[in-house]
N, C-alpha and C. Protein backbone atom coordinates (compact mmCIF):
# COMPACT_ATOMS: atom_id res chain seq x y z
N MET A 1 12.44 -29.43 -7.02
CA MET A 1 13.16 -28.27 -6.52
C MET A 1 12.32 -27.60 -5.42
N VAL A 2 12.96 -27.31 -4.32
CA VAL A 2 12.31 -26.57 -3.25
C VAL A 2 13.22 -25.40 -2.87
N ARG A 3 12.70 -24.20 -3.04
CA ARG A 3 13.45 -23.00 -2.66
C ARG A 3 13.21 -22.72 -1.18
N GLN A 4 14.19 -22.14 -0.56
CA GLN A 4 14.07 -21.71 0.83
C GLN A 4 13.73 -20.23 0.83
N ILE A 5 12.74 -19.83 1.63
CA ILE A 5 12.39 -18.42 1.73
C ILE A 5 12.92 -17.90 3.06
N ILE A 6 13.71 -16.84 2.97
CA ILE A 6 14.30 -16.22 4.15
C ILE A 6 13.81 -14.78 4.20
N PHE A 7 13.30 -14.37 5.35
CA PHE A 7 12.79 -13.01 5.52
C PHE A 7 13.86 -12.14 6.16
N HIS A 8 13.99 -10.92 5.65
CA HIS A 8 14.96 -9.96 6.18
C HIS A 8 14.34 -9.22 7.36
N GLY A 9 14.97 -9.32 8.51
CA GLY A 9 14.44 -8.65 9.70
C GLY A 9 13.03 -9.12 9.99
N ASN A 10 12.23 -8.26 10.57
CA ASN A 10 10.83 -8.58 10.87
C ASN A 10 9.86 -7.87 9.94
N TYR A 11 10.38 -7.28 8.86
CA TYR A 11 9.53 -6.48 7.98
C TYR A 11 8.35 -7.27 7.44
N PHE A 12 8.62 -8.45 6.89
CA PHE A 12 7.53 -9.26 6.33
C PHE A 12 6.60 -9.75 7.43
N ILE A 13 7.16 -10.25 8.52
CA ILE A 13 6.35 -10.80 9.61
C ILE A 13 5.40 -9.73 10.16
N ASP A 14 5.91 -8.51 10.35
CA ASP A 14 5.07 -7.41 10.84
C ASP A 14 3.94 -7.11 9.86
N PHE A 15 4.27 -7.09 8.57
CA PHE A 15 3.28 -6.87 7.51
C PHE A 15 2.23 -7.99 7.53
N TYR A 16 2.69 -9.23 7.61
CA TYR A 16 1.83 -10.40 7.55
C TYR A 16 0.85 -10.45 8.72
N LYS A 17 1.32 -10.11 9.90
CA LYS A 17 0.48 -10.14 11.11
C LYS A 17 -0.75 -9.24 10.98
N GLU A 18 -0.62 -8.17 10.22
CA GLU A 18 -1.71 -7.20 10.09
C GLU A 18 -2.75 -7.58 9.04
N LEU A 19 -2.49 -8.62 8.27
CA LEU A 19 -3.38 -8.98 7.17
C LEU A 19 -4.61 -9.73 7.66
N ASP A 20 -5.68 -9.60 6.87
CA ASP A 20 -6.92 -10.35 7.06
C ASP A 20 -6.62 -11.85 6.85
N LEU A 21 -7.37 -12.73 7.52
CA LEU A 21 -7.15 -14.17 7.43
C LEU A 21 -7.17 -14.68 5.98
N LYS A 22 -8.11 -14.21 5.18
CA LYS A 22 -8.20 -14.66 3.78
C LYS A 22 -6.98 -14.22 2.97
N VAL A 23 -6.48 -13.03 3.25
CA VAL A 23 -5.28 -12.55 2.55
C VAL A 23 -4.08 -13.38 2.99
N LYS A 24 -3.99 -13.70 4.27
CA LYS A 24 -2.89 -14.54 4.76
C LYS A 24 -2.87 -15.88 4.03
N GLU A 25 -4.05 -16.47 3.82
CA GLU A 25 -4.14 -17.75 3.11
C GLU A 25 -3.62 -17.62 1.70
N LYS A 26 -3.96 -16.52 1.04
CA LYS A 26 -3.50 -16.31 -0.33
C LYS A 26 -1.99 -16.08 -0.37
N VAL A 27 -1.46 -15.33 0.60
CA VAL A 27 -0.01 -15.10 0.69
C VAL A 27 0.71 -16.44 0.85
N LYS A 28 0.20 -17.29 1.75
CA LYS A 28 0.81 -18.61 1.96
C LYS A 28 0.80 -19.43 0.67
N TYR A 29 -0.32 -19.37 -0.05
CA TYR A 29 -0.44 -20.11 -1.31
C TYR A 29 0.63 -19.65 -2.31
N VAL A 30 0.77 -18.34 -2.47
CA VAL A 30 1.73 -17.80 -3.44
C VAL A 30 3.16 -18.12 -3.01
N LEU A 31 3.47 -18.01 -1.74
CA LEU A 31 4.82 -18.34 -1.27
C LEU A 31 5.13 -19.82 -1.49
N GLU A 32 4.14 -20.68 -1.30
CA GLU A 32 4.35 -22.11 -1.58
C GLU A 32 4.62 -22.35 -3.07
N LEU A 33 3.91 -21.62 -3.93
CA LEU A 33 4.18 -21.71 -5.37
C LEU A 33 5.62 -21.36 -5.66
N ILE A 34 6.07 -20.26 -5.09
CA ILE A 34 7.44 -19.79 -5.32
C ILE A 34 8.45 -20.82 -4.82
N LYS A 35 8.15 -21.45 -3.70
CA LYS A 35 9.06 -22.45 -3.14
C LYS A 35 9.15 -23.70 -4.02
N GLN A 36 8.04 -24.11 -4.63
CA GLN A 36 7.99 -25.43 -5.24
C GLN A 36 7.94 -25.48 -6.76
N VAL A 37 7.54 -24.40 -7.41
CA VAL A 37 7.37 -24.44 -8.86
C VAL A 37 8.59 -23.85 -9.55
N ASP A 38 9.08 -24.57 -10.55
CA ASP A 38 10.25 -24.10 -11.30
C ASP A 38 10.00 -22.75 -11.97
N ARG A 39 8.89 -22.65 -12.69
CA ARG A 39 8.54 -21.42 -13.41
C ARG A 39 7.25 -20.85 -12.84
N VAL A 40 7.41 -19.89 -11.93
CA VAL A 40 6.26 -19.27 -11.28
C VAL A 40 5.59 -18.32 -12.28
N PRO A 41 4.27 -18.41 -12.46
CA PRO A 41 3.58 -17.52 -13.39
C PRO A 41 3.82 -16.04 -13.04
N GLU A 42 3.99 -15.21 -14.08
CA GLU A 42 4.24 -13.78 -13.87
C GLU A 42 3.10 -13.09 -13.16
N LYS A 43 1.94 -13.70 -13.13
CA LYS A 43 0.82 -13.14 -12.38
C LYS A 43 1.19 -13.02 -10.90
N PHE A 44 2.04 -13.92 -10.42
CA PHE A 44 2.42 -13.96 -9.01
C PHE A 44 3.82 -13.43 -8.73
N LEU A 45 4.74 -13.56 -9.69
CA LEU A 45 6.13 -13.16 -9.48
C LEU A 45 6.68 -12.60 -10.78
N SER A 46 7.13 -11.35 -10.73
CA SER A 46 7.68 -10.75 -11.94
C SER A 46 8.85 -9.83 -11.59
N PRO A 47 9.81 -9.72 -12.53
CA PRO A 47 10.95 -8.84 -12.29
C PRO A 47 10.51 -7.38 -12.33
N ILE A 48 11.19 -6.55 -11.55
CA ILE A 48 10.90 -5.12 -11.55
C ILE A 48 11.83 -4.46 -12.55
N THR A 49 11.25 -3.82 -13.55
CA THR A 49 12.01 -3.18 -14.62
C THR A 49 12.94 -2.11 -14.06
N GLY A 50 14.19 -2.17 -14.50
CA GLY A 50 15.16 -1.18 -14.10
C GLY A 50 15.92 -1.51 -12.82
N TYR A 51 15.53 -2.61 -12.16
CA TYR A 51 16.20 -3.02 -10.92
C TYR A 51 16.64 -4.47 -11.06
N ASP A 52 17.83 -4.66 -11.59
CA ASP A 52 18.34 -6.00 -11.87
C ASP A 52 18.34 -6.86 -10.61
N GLY A 53 17.66 -8.00 -10.68
CA GLY A 53 17.65 -8.95 -9.57
C GLY A 53 16.55 -8.73 -8.55
N LEU A 54 15.75 -7.67 -8.70
CA LEU A 54 14.67 -7.41 -7.76
C LEU A 54 13.35 -7.85 -8.38
N PHE A 55 12.54 -8.57 -7.59
CA PHE A 55 11.27 -9.10 -8.06
C PHE A 55 10.13 -8.62 -7.18
N GLU A 56 8.93 -8.71 -7.75
CA GLU A 56 7.73 -8.33 -7.04
C GLU A 56 6.81 -9.54 -6.97
N VAL A 57 6.41 -9.91 -5.75
CA VAL A 57 5.40 -10.93 -5.53
C VAL A 57 4.08 -10.18 -5.44
N ARG A 58 3.11 -10.56 -6.29
CA ARG A 58 1.81 -9.87 -6.32
C ARG A 58 0.72 -10.80 -5.83
N ILE A 59 -0.02 -10.31 -4.86
CA ILE A 59 -1.16 -11.06 -4.34
C ILE A 59 -2.39 -10.18 -4.49
N GLU A 60 -3.34 -10.65 -5.28
CA GLU A 60 -4.58 -9.90 -5.46
C GLU A 60 -5.68 -10.56 -4.65
N TYR A 61 -6.38 -9.73 -3.90
CA TYR A 61 -7.52 -10.22 -3.13
C TYR A 61 -8.59 -9.14 -3.12
N GLN A 62 -9.76 -9.51 -3.57
CA GLN A 62 -10.87 -8.58 -3.76
C GLN A 62 -10.36 -7.42 -4.62
N SER A 63 -10.46 -6.19 -4.16
CA SER A 63 -10.01 -5.07 -5.00
C SER A 63 -8.63 -4.56 -4.58
N ASN A 64 -7.92 -5.33 -3.77
CA ASN A 64 -6.60 -4.91 -3.30
C ASN A 64 -5.49 -5.72 -3.94
N ILE A 65 -4.34 -5.09 -4.10
CA ILE A 65 -3.13 -5.77 -4.57
C ILE A 65 -2.07 -5.58 -3.50
N TYR A 66 -1.54 -6.69 -3.02
CA TYR A 66 -0.47 -6.66 -2.02
C TYR A 66 0.83 -7.00 -2.72
N ARG A 67 1.88 -6.26 -2.41
CA ARG A 67 3.17 -6.47 -3.08
C ARG A 67 4.24 -6.78 -2.04
N ILE A 68 5.04 -7.77 -2.36
CA ILE A 68 6.17 -8.15 -1.52
C ILE A 68 7.40 -8.14 -2.43
N PHE A 69 8.42 -7.45 -2.05
CA PHE A 69 9.63 -7.39 -2.86
C PHE A 69 10.59 -8.48 -2.42
N CYS A 70 11.28 -9.08 -3.41
CA CYS A 70 12.21 -10.17 -3.09
C CYS A 70 13.34 -10.23 -4.10
N CYS A 71 14.33 -11.03 -3.78
CA CYS A 71 15.43 -11.32 -4.70
C CYS A 71 15.79 -12.79 -4.53
N PHE A 72 16.56 -13.30 -5.46
CA PHE A 72 16.99 -14.69 -5.41
C PHE A 72 18.49 -14.74 -5.16
N ASP A 73 18.91 -15.70 -4.37
CA ASP A 73 20.31 -15.90 -4.07
C ASP A 73 20.71 -17.25 -4.68
N GLU A 74 21.50 -17.20 -5.75
CA GLU A 74 21.94 -18.42 -6.43
C GLU A 74 20.77 -19.31 -6.81
N GLU A 75 19.79 -18.71 -7.47
CA GLU A 75 18.60 -19.43 -7.96
C GLU A 75 17.66 -19.88 -6.86
N ASN A 76 17.90 -19.49 -5.62
CA ASN A 76 17.05 -19.89 -4.49
C ASN A 76 16.21 -18.74 -4.02
């Protein structure tokens, strides 16, 4: 299974451009996990309580936590 990741507007791209190189590498790693793994560990992707269908992608690097919000369209 390979999921397709679609970004809304330029919000993610603008955010991504500002990141440190090491953080960018970690973001790429986590997005690849989401694309290719059937059951992504909750450490990286978890539902947001109280918001049906909204998920949080969590990337931890050093003492920072970066969050990207996402949803799935027909399991993709």
